[in-house]
Amino acid sequence: MPLPPATGTGRYYAIAAKSIRLIRHGCTNRPFFHISVTHRRRLNSQPVIEQLGSYDPMPNMNNEKLVALNLDRIKHWLGKGAHVSPPVAELLGLSGFFPIHPRSYMTAWRNRRTERENQAKEKAEGSS
């Protein structure tokens, strides 16, 4: 394989590490994310390689956060050695593609503990 020229023709990026991560779109106070394959050190002005899905973190009227994933293309890019960012790893864990991420377990544990504390406060206030 010949060495890439030093003139900055873009061949450097052909062999650079790839990353699967969230790219923020949407408006102020209304985020929307594309799950995309990008170069590891991509600037915001550079285009992405491929969009693999989308994630809407704002709950809809049924209190659902919507995620769309192209699992075949995710498998393809993981086979090529692409790295996965922690937020995408969490989403893939919740979808069943990866094992559940430890951060998801910690969040669920904190939510249960907070709920128990709130119930204990309400019970103490009600009995007083």
Protein backbone atom coordinates (compact mmCIF):
# COMPACT_ATOMS: atom_id res chain seq x y z
CA MET A 1 0.00 0.00 0.00
CA PRO A 2 1.54 3.33 -0.98
CA LEU A 3 1.95 6.02 1.61
CA PRO A 4 -0.62 8.81 1.50
CA PRO A 5 0.66 12.08 0.07
CA ALA A 6 1.38 14.92 2.46
CA THR A 7 -0.70 17.38 0.43
CA GLY A 8 -3.90 16.75 2.38
CA THR A 9 -5.85 15.03 -0.38
CA GLY A 10 -8.07 13.14 2.04
CA ARG A 11 -6.37 9.76 1.83
CA TYR A 12 -5.37 10.09 5.46
CA TYR A 13 -9.01 9.78 6.46
CA ALA A 14 -9.44 6.60 4.44
CA ILE A 15 -7.21 4.74 6.90
CA ALA A 16 -8.10 6.69 10.05
CA ALA A 17 -10.14 5.20 12.89
CA LYS A 18 -13.90 5.48 12.63
CA SER A 19 -16.34 6.16 15.45
CA ILE A 20 -20.08 5.52 15.85
CA ARG A 21 -21.48 8.43 17.82
CA LEU A 22 -24.36 10.85 18.29
CA ILE A 23 -24.45 14.01 16.17
CA ARG A 24 -26.73 16.69 17.62
CA HIS A 25 -29.37 18.28 15.43
CA GLY A 26 -32.58 20.07 16.29
CA CYS A 27 -33.24 23.41 17.90
CA THR A 28 -32.53 25.02 21.23
CA ASN A 29 -34.27 23.09 24.02
CA ARG A 30 -35.40 20.46 21.48
CA PRO A 31 -32.45 18.16 20.68
CA PHE A 32 -32.52 15.41 18.09
CA PHE A 33 -29.59 13.11 17.39
CA HIS A 34 -28.37 11.19 14.37
CA ILE A 35 -26.38 8.04 15.08
CA SER A 36 -23.57 8.32 12.55
CA VAL A 37 -20.22 6.88 11.53
CA THR A 38 -17.60 9.60 11.49
CA HIS A 39 -13.86 9.93 11.48
CA ARG A 40 -12.56 9.79 15.03
CA ARG A 41 -11.27 13.38 14.97
CA ARG A 42 -13.99 14.88 12.79
CA LEU A 43 -14.63 18.60 12.92
CA ASN A 44 -18.21 19.84 12.96
CA SER A 45 -17.80 21.29 9.48
CA GLN A 46 -16.89 17.92 7.95
CA PRO A 47 -19.57 15.56 6.64
CA VAL A 48 -20.30 12.19 8.25
CA ILE A 49 -19.53 8.92 6.49
CA GLU A 50 -22.93 7.28 7.02
CA GLN A 51 -26.03 7.78 9.15
CA LEU A 52 -26.99 4.58 10.99
CA GLY A 53 -30.07 5.73 12.88
CA SER A 54 -31.71 8.45 14.90
CA TYR A 55 -32.59 9.14 18.53
CA ASP A 56 -35.24 11.51 19.86
CA PRO A 57 -34.60 12.04 23.61
CA MET A 58 -37.77 14.07 24.19
CA PRO A 59 -40.66 11.87 25.34
CA ASN A 60 -43.66 11.87 23.01
CA MET A 61 -47.32 11.86 24.12
CA ASN A 62 -46.99 8.18 25.14
CA ASN A 63 -43.88 9.00 27.22
CA GLU A 64 -41.61 7.14 24.77
CA LYS A 65 -38.16 8.14 23.60
CA LEU A 66 -37.84 7.01 19.99
CA VAL A 67 -34.77 5.24 18.58
CA ALA A 68 -34.30 3.95 15.04
CA LEU A 69 -31.26 1.78 14.28
CA ASN A 70 -29.92 0.09 11.16
CA LEU A 71 -28.44 -2.95 12.89
CA ASP A 72 -27.06 -4.51 9.70
CA ARG A 73 -24.94 -1.43 8.98
CA ILE A 74 -23.88 -1.19 12.64
CA LYS A 75 -22.63 -4.80 12.42
CA HIS A 76 -20.82 -3.89 9.21
CA TRP A 77 -18.99 -0.94 10.78
CA LEU A 78 -18.18 -2.84 13.97
CA GLY A 79 -16.67 -5.55 11.78
CA LYS A 80 -14.48 -2.89 10.18
CA GLY A 81 -13.20 -1.83 13.62
CA ALA A 82 -15.30 1.26 14.34
CA HIS A 83 -15.34 2.42 17.95
CA VAL A 84 -18.64 3.05 19.76
CA SER A 85 -19.14 6.11 21.96
CA PRO A 86 -20.57 5.52 25.47
CA PRO A 87 -24.00 7.12 24.74
CA VAL A 88 -24.42 4.95 21.64
CA ALA A 89 -23.28 1.90 23.63
CA GLU A 90 -26.05 2.66 26.15
CA LEU A 91 -28.66 2.86 23.38
CA LEU A 92 -27.42 -0.36 21.79
CA GLY A 93 -27.51 -2.04 25.22
CA LEU A 94 -31.10 -0.97 25.81
CA SER A 95 -32.05 -2.20 22.34
CA GLY A 96 -30.56 -5.65 23.05
CA PHE A 97 -27.74 -5.42 20.52
CA PHE A 98 -25.03 -5.08 23.20
CA PRO A 99 -25.12 -6.18 26.86
CA ILE A 100 -26.80 -3.56 29.04
CA HIS A 101 -24.36 -0.76 29.80
CA PRO A 102 -23.32 -0.38 33.49
CA ARG A 103 -24.41 3.27 33.43
CA SER A 104 -27.98 2.10 32.68
CA TYR A 105 -27.91 -0.12 35.77
CA MET A 106 -26.64 2.77 37.90
CA THR A 107 -29.32 5.13 36.59
CA ALA A 108 -32.06 2.59 37.33
CA TRP A 109 -30.65 1.99 40.82
CA ARG A 110 -30.56 5.75 41.56
CA ASN A 111 -34.12 6.19 40.31
CA ARG A 112 -35.38 3.36 42.53
CA ARG A 113 -33.53 4.77 45.56
CA THR A 114 -34.95 8.27 44.97
CA GLU A 115 -38.45 6.83 44.61
CA ARG A 116 -38.09 4.92 47.91
CA GLU A 117 -36.85 8.07 49.66
CA ASN A 118 -39.78 10.11 48.31
CA GLN A 119 -42.26 7.46 49.44
CA ALA A 120 -40.65 7.39 52.91
CA LYS A 121 -40.94 11.21 53.13
CA GLU A 122 -44.60 11.13 52.11
CA LYS A 123 -45.30 8.37 54.62
CA ALA A 124 -43.52 10.33 57.39
CA GLU A 125 -45.43 13.53 56.53
CA GLY A 126 -48.74 11.66 56.37
CA SER A 127 -48.29 10.03 59.79
CA SER A 128 -47.21 13.29 61.49
